[in-house]
Structures are given as C-alpha cells and as structure tokens.
All heavy atoms as atom14 arrays in JSON, in Angstrom:
{
  "sequence": "ENTLSTDHETFDHYNIPSFQFLQDPISYRTITHHTHLDLPEYIP",
  "atom14_mask": [
    [1, 1, 1, 1, 1, 1, 1, 1, 1, 0, 0, 0, 0, 0],
    [1, 1, 1, 1, 1, 1, 1, 1, 0, 0, 0, 0, 0, 0],
    [1, 1, 1, 1, 1, 1, 1, 0, 0, 0, 0, 0, 0, 0],
    [1, 1, 1, 1, 1, 1, 1, 1, 0, 0, 0, 0, 0, 0],
    [1, 1, 1, 1, 1, 1, 0, 0, 0, 0, 0, 0, 0, 0],
    [1, 1, 1, 1, 1, 1, 1, 0, 0, 0, 0, 0, 0, 0],
    [1, 1, 1, 1, 1, 1, 1, 1, 0, 0, 0, 0, 0, 0],
    [1, 1, 1, 1, 1, 1, 1, 1, 1, 1, 0, 0, 0, 0],
    [1, 1, 1, 1, 1, 1, 1, 1, 1, 0, 0, 0, 0, 0],
    [1, 1, 1, 1, 1, 1, 1, 0, 0, 0, 0, 0, 0, 0],
    [1, 1, 1, 1, 1, 1, 1, 1, 1, 1, 1, 0, 0, 0],
    [1, 1, 1, 1, 1, 1, 1, 1, 0, 0, 0, 0, 0, 0],
    [1, 1, 1, 1, 1, 1, 1, 1, 1, 1, 0, 0, 0, 0],
    [1, 1, 1, 1, 1, 1, 1, 1, 1, 1, 1, 1, 0, 0],
    [1, 1, 1, 1, 1, 1, 1, 1, 0, 0, 0, 0, 0, 0],
    [1, 1, 1, 1, 1, 1, 1, 1, 0, 0, 0, 0, 0, 0],
    [1, 1, 1, 1, 1, 1, 1, 0, 0, 0, 0, 0, 0, 0],
    [1, 1, 1, 1, 1, 1, 0, 0, 0, 0, 0, 0, 0, 0],
    [1, 1, 1, 1, 1, 1, 1, 1, 1, 1, 1, 0, 0, 0],
    [1, 1, 1, 1, 1, 1, 1, 1, 1, 0, 0, 0, 0, 0],
    [1, 1, 1, 1, 1, 1, 1, 1, 1, 1, 1, 0, 0, 0],
    [1, 1, 1, 1, 1, 1, 1, 1, 0, 0, 0, 0, 0, 0],
    [1, 1, 1, 1, 1, 1, 1, 1, 1, 0, 0, 0, 0, 0],
    [1, 1, 1, 1, 1, 1, 1, 1, 0, 0, 0, 0, 0, 0],
    [1, 1, 1, 1, 1, 1, 1, 0, 0, 0, 0, 0, 0, 0],
    [1, 1, 1, 1, 1, 1, 1, 1, 0, 0, 0, 0, 0, 0],
    [1, 1, 1, 1, 1, 1, 0, 0, 0, 0, 0, 0, 0, 0],
    [1, 1, 1, 1, 1, 1, 1, 1, 1, 1, 1, 1, 0, 0],
    [1, 1, 1, 1, 1, 1, 1, 1, 1, 1, 1, 0, 0, 0],
    [1, 1, 1, 1, 1, 1, 1, 0, 0, 0, 0, 0, 0, 0],
    [1, 1, 1, 1, 1, 1, 1, 1, 0, 0, 0, 0, 0, 0],
    [1, 1, 1, 1, 1, 1, 1, 0, 0, 0, 0, 0, 0, 0],
    [1, 1, 1, 1, 1, 1, 1, 1, 1, 1, 0, 0, 0, 0],
    [1, 1, 1, 1, 1, 1, 1, 1, 1, 1, 0, 0, 0, 0],
    [1, 1, 1, 1, 1, 1, 1, 0, 0, 0, 0, 0, 0, 0],
    [1, 1, 1, 1, 1, 1, 1, 1, 1, 1, 0, 0, 0, 0],
    [1, 1, 1, 1, 1, 1, 1, 1, 0, 0, 0, 0, 0, 0],
    [1, 1, 1, 1, 1, 1, 1, 1, 0, 0, 0, 0, 0, 0],
    [1, 1, 1, 1, 1, 1, 1, 1, 0, 0, 0, 0, 0, 0],
    [1, 1, 1, 1, 1, 1, 1, 0, 0, 0, 0, 0, 0, 0],
    [1, 1, 1, 1, 1, 1, 1, 1, 1, 0, 0, 0, 0, 0],
    [1, 1, 1, 1, 1, 1, 1, 1, 1, 1, 1, 1, 0, 0],
    [1, 1, 1, 1, 1, 1, 1, 1, 0, 0, 0, 0, 0, 0],
    [1, 1, 1, 1, 1, 1, 1, 0, 0, 0, 0, 0, 0, 0]
  ],
  "atom14_positions": [
    [[12.74, -8.35, -0.67], [12.56, -7.25, 0.26], [11.18, -7.36, 0.98], [10.25, -7.96, 0.61], [12.61, -5.88, -0.43], [13.98, -5.67, -1.15], [15.13, -5.57, -0.13], [14.87, -4.99, 0.96], [16.14, -6.19, -0.38], [0.0, 0.0, 0.0], [0.0, 0.0, 0.0], [0.0, 0.0, 0.0], [0.0, 0.0, 0.0], [0.0, 0.0, 0.0]],
    [[11.13, -6.56, 2.11], [10.01, -6.33, 2.93], [9.53, -4.9, 2.75], [10.3, -4.07, 2.84], [10.35, -6.65, 4.39], [9.15, -6.54, 5.3], [8.05, -6.54, 4.91], [9.48, -6.39, 6.54], [0.0, 0.0, 0.0], [0.0, 0.0, 0.0], [0.0, 0.0, 0.0], [0.0, 0.0, 0.0], [0.0, 0.0, 0.0], [0.0, 0.0, 0.0]],
    [[8.31, -4.73, 2.62], [7.68, -3.43, 2.63], [6.94, -3.27, 3.99], [6.45, -4.28, 4.39], [6.8, -3.05, 1.44], [6.46, -1.74, 1.43], [5.55, -4.02, 1.34], [0.0, 0.0, 0.0], [0.0, 0.0, 0.0], [0.0, 0.0, 0.0], [0.0, 0.0, 0.0], [0.0, 0.0, 0.0], [0.0, 0.0, 0.0], [0.0, 0.0, 0.0]],
    [[6.92, -2.06, 4.54], [6.42, -1.95, 5.74], [5.06, -1.14, 5.77], [4.74, -0.56, 4.67], [7.38, -1.15, 6.66], [8.71, -1.94, 6.94], [9.73, -1.0, 7.61], [8.51, -3.29, 7.61], [0.0, 0.0, 0.0], [0.0, 0.0, 0.0], [0.0, 0.0, 0.0], [0.0, 0.0, 0.0], [0.0, 0.0, 0.0], [0.0, 0.0, 0.0]],
    [[4.41, -1.1, 6.79], [3.26, -0.26, 7.13], [2.08, -0.67, 6.39], [1.22, 0.22, 5.93], [3.64, 1.31, 6.83], [4.66, 1.73, 7.53], [0.0, 0.0, 0.0], [0.0, 0.0, 0.0], [0.0, 0.0, 0.0], [0.0, 0.0, 0.0], [0.0, 0.0, 0.0], [0.0, 0.0, 0.0], [0.0, 0.0, 0.0], [0.0, 0.0, 0.0]],
    [[1.82, -1.93, 6.19], [0.66, -2.46, 5.68], [0.18, -3.7, 6.52], [1.06, -4.22, 7.31], [0.7, -2.96, 4.14], [1.42, -4.12, 4.07], [1.2, -1.81, 3.3], [0.0, 0.0, 0.0], [0.0, 0.0, 0.0], [0.0, 0.0, 0.0], [0.0, 0.0, 0.0], [0.0, 0.0, 0.0], [0.0, 0.0, 0.0], [0.0, 0.0, 0.0]],
    [[-1.03, -4.09, 6.48], [-1.63, -5.1, 7.32], [-0.99, -6.46, 7.16], [-1.24, -7.36, 8.02], [-3.11, -5.16, 7.06], [-3.94, -3.99, 7.6], [-3.91, -3.84, 8.79], [-4.46, -3.23, 6.78], [0.0, 0.0, 0.0], [0.0, 0.0, 0.0], [0.0, 0.0, 0.0], [0.0, 0.0, 0.0], [0.0, 0.0, 0.0], [0.0, 0.0, 0.0]],
    [[-0.08, -6.73, 6.19], [0.44, -7.96, 5.93], [1.38, -8.3, 7.21], [1.58, -9.48, 7.59], [1.29, -8.12, 4.79], [2.53, -7.3, 4.81], [2.6, -5.9, 4.61], [3.8, -7.65, 5.03], [3.84, -5.48, 4.67], [4.62, -6.49, 5.0], [0.0, 0.0, 0.0], [0.0, 0.0, 0.0], [0.0, 0.0, 0.0], [0.0, 0.0, 0.0]],
    [[1.94, -7.12, 7.81], [2.81, -7.24, 9.1], [2.1, -8.08, 10.14], [2.62, -8.73, 10.93], [3.26, -5.95, 9.4], [4.18, -5.32, 8.52], [4.68, -3.9, 9.03], [5.86, -3.96, 9.72], [4.05, -2.93, 8.73], [0.0, 0.0, 0.0], [0.0, 0.0, 0.0], [0.0, 0.0, 0.0], [0.0, 0.0, 0.0], [0.0, 0.0, 0.0]],
    [[0.76, -7.83, 10.34], [0.13, -8.42, 11.47], [0.05, -9.97, 11.16], [0.41, -10.7, 12.18], [-1.42, -8.05, 11.36], [-1.49, -6.63, 11.49], [-2.26, -8.81, 12.39], [0.0, 0.0, 0.0], [0.0, 0.0, 0.0], [0.0, 0.0, 0.0], [0.0, 0.0, 0.0], [0.0, 0.0, 0.0], [0.0, 0.0, 0.0], [0.0, 0.0, 0.0]],
    [[-0.11, -10.5, 10.06], [-0.1, -11.92, 9.67], [1.25, -12.45, 9.71], [1.51, -13.64, 10.06], [-0.96, -12.16, 8.46], [-2.34, -11.64, 8.62], [-2.66, -10.44, 8.31], [-3.27, -12.62, 9.11], [-4.05, -10.02, 8.54], [-4.66, -12.22, 9.26], [-4.88, -10.84, 9.06], [0.0, 0.0, 0.0], [0.0, 0.0, 0.0], [0.0, 0.0, 0.0]],
    [[2.25, -11.66, 9.29], [3.61, -12.16, 9.29], [4.07, -12.5, 10.74], [4.75, -13.34, 11.01], [4.46, -11.09, 8.74], [6.0, -11.48, 8.54], [6.22, -12.48, 7.8], [6.81, -10.89, 9.06], [0.0, 0.0, 0.0], [0.0, 0.0, 0.0], [0.0, 0.0, 0.0], [0.0, 0.0, 0.0], [0.0, 0.0, 0.0], [0.0, 0.0, 0.0]],
    [[3.53, -11.63, 11.68], [3.83, -11.82, 13.12], [3.42, -13.22, 13.54], [4.15, -13.85, 14.47], [3.03, -10.79, 13.91], [3.19, -11.01, 15.39], [4.28, -10.67, 16.16], [2.32, -11.71, 16.25], [4.14, -11.05, 17.34], [2.88, -11.65, 17.54], [0.0, 0.0, 0.0], [0.0, 0.0, 0.0], [0.0, 0.0, 0.0], [0.0, 0.0, 0.0]],
    [[2.49, -13.86, 12.99], [1.96, -15.18, 13.36], [2.46, -16.32, 12.43], [2.1, -17.37, 12.5], [0.5, -15.3, 13.22], [-0.3, -14.38, 14.3], [-0.66, -13.02, 14.0], [-0.6, -14.96, 15.47], [-1.29, -12.34, 14.87], [-1.31, -14.21, 16.45], [-1.6, -12.9, 16.16], [-2.29, -12.19, 17.11], [0.0, 0.0, 0.0], [0.0, 0.0, 0.0]],
    [[3.63, -15.91, 11.75], [4.39, -16.72, 10.78], [3.51, -17.4, 9.75], [3.68, -18.45, 9.23], [5.1, -17.84, 11.57], [6.2, -18.45, 10.6], [6.72, -17.8, 9.83], [6.49, -19.78, 10.84], [0.0, 0.0, 0.0], [0.0, 0.0, 0.0], [0.0, 0.0, 0.0], [0.0, 0.0, 0.0], [0.0, 0.0, 0.0], [0.0, 0.0, 0.0]],
    [[2.38, -16.59, 9.31], [1.6, -16.89, 8.1], [2.34, -16.33, 7.04], [2.68, -15.14, 7.05], [0.2, -16.36, 8.34], [-0.51, -17.1, 9.5], [-0.67, -16.44, 7.07], [-1.77, -16.4, 9.93], [0.0, 0.0, 0.0], [0.0, 0.0, 0.0], [0.0, 0.0, 0.0], [0.0, 0.0, 0.0], [0.0, 0.0, 0.0], [0.0, 0.0, 0.0]],
    [[2.55, -17.05, 5.87], [3.19, -16.42, 4.73], [2.43, -15.31, 4.28], [1.29, -15.34, 3.91], [3.19, -17.59, 3.72], [3.15, -18.82, 4.59], [2.34, -18.46, 5.75], [0.0, 0.0, 0.0], [0.0, 0.0, 0.0], [0.0, 0.0, 0.0], [0.0, 0.0, 0.0], [0.0, 0.0, 0.0], [0.0, 0.0, 0.0], [0.0, 0.0, 0.0]],
    [[3.03, -14.04, 4.4], [2.34, -12.84, 4.08], [3.1, -12.06, 3.1], [4.37, -11.95, 3.17], [2.2, -12.06, 5.41], [1.61, -12.81, 6.35], [0.0, 0.0, 0.0], [0.0, 0.0, 0.0], [0.0, 0.0, 0.0], [0.0, 0.0, 0.0], [0.0, 0.0, 0.0], [0.0, 0.0, 0.0], [0.0, 0.0, 0.0], [0.0, 0.0, 0.0]],
    [[2.35, -11.46, 2.18], [2.9, -10.84, 0.97], [2.17, -9.55, 0.68], [0.89, -9.48, 0.75], [2.97, -11.82, -0.19], [3.47, -13.17, 0.17], [2.66, -14.17, 0.48], [4.89, -13.25, 0.14], [3.2, -15.4, 0.82], [5.37, -14.56, 0.46], [4.6, -15.59, 0.83], [0.0, 0.0, 0.0], [0.0, 0.0, 0.0], [0.0, 0.0, 0.0]],
    [[2.82, -8.55, 0.2], [2.28, -7.32, -0.29], [2.71, -7.28, -1.79], [3.77, -7.44, -2.21], [3.0, -6.17, 0.51], [2.72, -4.75, -0.13], [1.33, -4.35, -0.11], [0.58, -4.7, 0.86], [0.9, -3.57, -1.05], [0.0, 0.0, 0.0], [0.0, 0.0, 0.0], [0.0, 0.0, 0.0], [0.0, 0.0, 0.0], [0.0, 0.0, 0.0]],
    [[1.65, -6.93, -2.57], [1.81, -6.67, -3.98], [2.71, -5.53, -4.27], [2.54, -4.37, -3.62], [0.48, -6.58, -4.64], [-0.18, -7.84, -4.94], [-1.15, -8.24, -4.08], [0.2, -8.76, -5.92], [-1.86, -9.58, -4.19], [-0.4, -10.03, -6.19], [-1.38, -10.33, -5.17], [0.0, 0.0, 0.0], [0.0, 0.0, 0.0], [0.0, 0.0, 0.0]],
    [[3.6, -5.56, -5.26], [4.36, -4.39, -5.72], [3.59, -3.67, -6.79], [3.23, -4.4, -7.8], [5.77, -5.07, -6.17], [6.79, -4.18, -6.85], [7.28, -3.24, -5.76], [7.86, -5.02, -7.42], [0.0, 0.0, 0.0], [0.0, 0.0, 0.0], [0.0, 0.0, 0.0], [0.0, 0.0, 0.0], [0.0, 0.0, 0.0], [0.0, 0.0, 0.0]],
    [[3.48, -2.47, -6.62], [2.62, -1.64, -7.51], [3.33, -0.44, -8.11], [4.18, 0.03, -7.41], [1.33, -1.14, -6.85], [0.4, -2.34, -6.46], [-0.73, -1.78, -5.53], [-0.71, -1.78, -4.37], [-1.68, -1.18, -6.29], [0.0, 0.0, 0.0], [0.0, 0.0, 0.0], [0.0, 0.0, 0.0], [0.0, 0.0, 0.0], [0.0, 0.0, 0.0]],
    [[2.85, 0.01, -9.3], [3.36, 1.24, -9.84], [2.82, 2.36, -8.77], [1.72, 2.37, -8.42], [2.66, 1.62, -11.11], [3.34, 0.86, -12.29], [4.42, 0.41, -12.08], [2.69, 0.79, -13.36], [0.0, 0.0, 0.0], [0.0, 0.0, 0.0], [0.0, 0.0, 0.0], [0.0, 0.0, 0.0], [0.0, 0.0, 0.0], [0.0, 0.0, 0.0]],
    [[3.75, 3.23, -8.5], [3.44, 4.33, -7.47], [2.45, 5.47, -8.06], [1.84, 6.06, -7.31], [4.75, 4.86, -7.04], [5.7, 4.66, -8.17], [5.16, 3.35, -8.84], [0.0, 0.0, 0.0], [0.0, 0.0, 0.0], [0.0, 0.0, 0.0], [0.0, 0.0, 0.0], [0.0, 0.0, 0.0], [0.0, 0.0, 0.0], [0.0, 0.0, 0.0]],
    [[2.47, 5.46, -9.39], [1.78, 6.62, -10.07], [1.97, 7.86, -9.13], [3.03, 8.31, -8.88], [0.28, 6.25, -10.47], [-0.6, 5.7, -9.23], [0.34, 5.32, -11.66], [-1.98, 5.52, -9.66], [0.0, 0.0, 0.0], [0.0, 0.0, 0.0], [0.0, 0.0, 0.0], [0.0, 0.0, 0.0], [0.0, 0.0, 0.0], [0.0, 0.0, 0.0]],
    [[0.85, 8.51, -8.84], [1.03, 9.76, -7.97], [0.6, 9.46, -6.53], [0.38, 10.39, -5.8], [0.22, 10.89, -8.62], [-1.13, 10.51, -8.68], [0.0, 0.0, 0.0], [0.0, 0.0, 0.0], [0.0, 0.0, 0.0], [0.0, 0.0, 0.0], [0.0, 0.0, 0.0], [0.0, 0.0, 0.0], [0.0, 0.0, 0.0], [0.0, 0.0, 0.0]],
    [[0.52, 8.26, -6.14], [0.08, 7.91, -4.81], [0.8, 8.55, -3.73], [0.31, 9.19, -2.83], [0.16, 6.33, -4.66], [-0.48, 5.79, -3.34], [-1.88, 6.1, -3.03], [0.36, 5.12, -2.47], [-2.28, 5.63, -1.83], [-0.27, 4.69, -1.29], [-1.57, 4.92, -1.05], [-2.1, 4.41, 0.11], [0.0, 0.0, 0.0], [0.0, 0.0, 0.0]],
    [[2.11, 8.4, -3.66], [2.9, 8.87, -2.55], [3.06, 10.36, -2.64], [3.2, 11.05, -1.64], [4.27, 8.24, -2.46], [4.2, 6.76, -2.12], [4.51, 6.58, -0.71], [4.54, 5.05, -0.36], [3.69, 4.57, 0.34], [2.82, 5.25, 1.01], [3.75, 3.2, 0.64], [0.0, 0.0, 0.0], [0.0, 0.0, 0.0], [0.0, 0.0, 0.0]],
    [[3.01, 10.98, -3.85], [3.37, 12.42, -3.98], [2.28, 13.34, -4.0], [2.37, 14.48, -3.63], [4.16, 12.6, -5.29], [3.47, 12.08, -6.4], [5.52, 11.89, -5.18], [0.0, 0.0, 0.0], [0.0, 0.0, 0.0], [0.0, 0.0, 0.0], [0.0, 0.0, 0.0], [0.0, 0.0, 0.0], [0.0, 0.0, 0.0], [0.0, 0.0, 0.0]],
    [[1.05, 12.81, -4.34], [-0.12, 13.74, -4.63], [-1.32, 13.3, -3.86], [-1.97, 13.97, -3.03], [-0.41, 13.96, -6.09], [0.76, 14.64, -6.79], [-1.63, 14.78, -6.26], [0.6, 14.7, -8.26], [0.0, 0.0, 0.0], [0.0, 0.0, 0.0], [0.0, 0.0, 0.0], [0.0, 0.0, 0.0], [0.0, 0.0, 0.0], [0.0, 0.0, 0.0]],
    [[-1.73, 12.1, -4.07], [-3.05, 11.62, -3.6], [-3.09, 11.0, -2.17], [-4.0, 10.94, -1.53], [-3.73, 10.63, -4.55], [-2.92, 9.56, -4.72], [-3.97, 11.34, -5.9], [0.0, 0.0, 0.0], [0.0, 0.0, 0.0], [0.0, 0.0, 0.0], [0.0, 0.0, 0.0], [0.0, 0.0, 0.0], [0.0, 0.0, 0.0], [0.0, 0.0, 0.0]],
    [[-1.93, 10.44, -1.8], [-1.79, 9.66, -0.58], [-2.35, 10.45, 0.73], [-1.74, 11.48, 1.09], [-0.39, 9.21, -0.33], [-0.17, 8.21, 0.78], [0.55, 8.42, 1.79], [-0.77, 7.06, 0.94], [0.64, 7.46, 2.72], [-0.29, 6.6, 2.28], [0.0, 0.0, 0.0], [0.0, 0.0, 0.0], [0.0, 0.0, 0.0], [0.0, 0.0, 0.0]],
    [[-3.43, 10.03, 1.18], [-4.01, 10.61, 2.46], [-4.29, 12.14, 2.26], [-3.99, 12.98, 3.18], [-3.16, 10.44, 3.59], [-2.97, 8.9, 4.01], [-3.94, 8.32, 4.76], [-1.99, 8.03, 3.75], [-3.65, 6.95, 4.86], [-2.44, 6.85, 4.29], [0.0, 0.0, 0.0], [0.0, 0.0, 0.0], [0.0, 0.0, 0.0], [0.0, 0.0, 0.0]],
    [[-4.68, 12.44, 1.07], [-5.12, 13.9, 0.86], [-6.52, 13.97, 0.38], [-7.15, 12.93, 0.16], [-4.32, 14.59, -0.19], [-4.59, 14.08, -1.39], [-2.74, 14.38, 0.07], [0.0, 0.0, 0.0], [0.0, 0.0, 0.0], [0.0, 0.0, 0.0], [0.0, 0.0, 0.0], [0.0, 0.0, 0.0], [0.0, 0.0, 0.0], [0.0, 0.0, 0.0]],
    [[-7.02, 15.18, 0.17], [-8.38, 15.24, -0.39], [-8.51, 14.89, -1.77], [-9.64, 14.76, -2.28], [-8.89, 16.77, -0.19], [-8.15, 17.77, -1.0], [-6.78, 18.15, -0.62], [-8.45, 18.42, -2.1], [-6.34, 18.94, -1.63], [-7.28, 19.16, -2.48], [0.0, 0.0, 0.0], [0.0, 0.0, 0.0], [0.0, 0.0, 0.0], [0.0, 0.0, 0.0]],
    [[-7.42, 14.56, -2.43], [-7.33, 14.08, -3.82], [-7.31, 12.61, -3.94], [-7.33, 12.01, -5.05], [-6.12, 14.62, -4.51], [-6.08, 16.13, -4.7], [-4.77, 16.59, -5.29], [-7.26, 16.69, -5.58], [0.0, 0.0, 0.0], [0.0, 0.0, 0.0], [0.0, 0.0, 0.0], [0.0, 0.0, 0.0], [0.0, 0.0, 0.0], [0.0, 0.0, 0.0]],
    [[-7.41, 11.87, -2.69], [-7.42, 10.39, -2.74], [-8.92, 9.92, -3.09], [-9.56, 9.56, -2.15], [-6.95, 9.85, -1.32], [-6.43, 8.45, -1.47], [-6.61, 7.85, -2.49], [-5.81, 8.04, -0.46], [0.0, 0.0, 0.0], [0.0, 0.0, 0.0], [0.0, 0.0, 0.0], [0.0, 0.0, 0.0], [0.0, 0.0, 0.0], [0.0, 0.0, 0.0]],
    [[-9.14, 10.03, -4.28], [-10.52, 9.75, -4.79], [-10.54, 8.64, -5.85], [-9.51, 8.46, -6.6], [-11.18, 11.1, -5.4], [-11.31, 12.29, -4.41], [-11.57, 13.54, -5.24], [-12.33, 11.87, -3.26], [0.0, 0.0, 0.0], [0.0, 0.0, 0.0], [0.0, 0.0, 0.0], [0.0, 0.0, 0.0], [0.0, 0.0, 0.0], [0.0, 0.0, 0.0]],
    [[-11.66, 8.03, -6.04], [-11.82, 6.98, -7.14], [-11.59, 7.56, -8.48], [-11.05, 6.71, -9.33], [-13.24, 6.49, -6.98], [-13.63, 6.79, -5.63], [-12.89, 7.97, -5.08], [0.0, 0.0, 0.0], [0.0, 0.0, 0.0], [0.0, 0.0, 0.0], [0.0, 0.0, 0.0], [0.0, 0.0, 0.0], [0.0, 0.0, 0.0], [0.0, 0.0, 0.0]],
    [[-11.83, 8.77, -8.68], [-11.59, 9.38, -10.02], [-10.05, 9.26, -10.47], [-9.7, 9.38, -11.61], [-11.97, 10.82, -10.09], [-13.54, 10.96, -10.06], [-14.06, 10.96, -8.56], [-13.33, 10.88, -7.59], [-15.28, 10.9, -8.4], [0.0, 0.0, 0.0], [0.0, 0.0, 0.0], [0.0, 0.0, 0.0], [0.0, 0.0, 0.0], [0.0, 0.0, 0.0]],
    [[-9.12, 9.1, -9.47], [-7.7, 9.12, -9.83], [-7.29, 7.57, -10.05], [-6.06, 7.34, -10.15], [-6.88, 9.71, -8.72], [-7.1, 11.2, -8.76], [-7.99, 11.87, -7.89], [-6.4, 12.03, -9.6], [-8.13, 13.19, -7.89], [-6.5, 13.48, -9.85], [-7.42, 13.97, -8.82], [-7.55, 15.38, -9.0], [0.0, 0.0, 0.0], [0.0, 0.0, 0.0]],
    [[-8.16, 6.74, -9.94], [-7.71, 5.34, -10.25], [-7.65, 4.97, -11.7], [-8.68, 5.14, -12.33], [-8.72, 4.21, -9.52], [-8.72, 4.56, -8.03], [-8.44, 2.85, -9.86], [-9.77, 3.82, -7.34], [0.0, 0.0, 0.0], [0.0, 0.0, 0.0], [0.0, 0.0, 0.0], [0.0, 0.0, 0.0], [0.0, 0.0, 0.0], [0.0, 0.0, 0.0]],
    [[-6.51, 4.6, -12.28], [-6.48, 4.24, -13.64], [-7.35, 3.03, -13.92], [-7.03, 1.93, -13.45], [-5.08, 4.03, -13.94], [-4.31, 4.56, -12.74], [-5.23, 4.51, -11.54], [0.0, 0.0, 0.0], [0.0, 0.0, 0.0], [0.0, 0.0, 0.0], [0.0, 0.0, 0.0], [0.0, 0.0, 0.0], [0.0, 0.0, 0.0], [0.0, 0.0, 0.0]]
  ]
}
C-alpha cells in the first residue's frame, strides 16, 4: 500500500524509491495530531 500526505511523495515523484514507516497510531490521529496536545511529553 501507499500512504499519502507525507514528504515521501515528493521523492516518489522523481522515481526515487520512497518509503514511509508504518507506525502504531497510539492517540496521534484522534487526540494529539495538530492540536495543543502535540507535545514531546506524549511520546512513548
């Protein structure tokens, strides 16, 4: 699969083998993503 909306897409455009790491979502998308809670204290 391809994941979107990260900088790997720029390099993929140039046919450079480009890859995005697959990560546990934890609370990233639901709570901290682009909010005032997106702080280092929430990094496991």
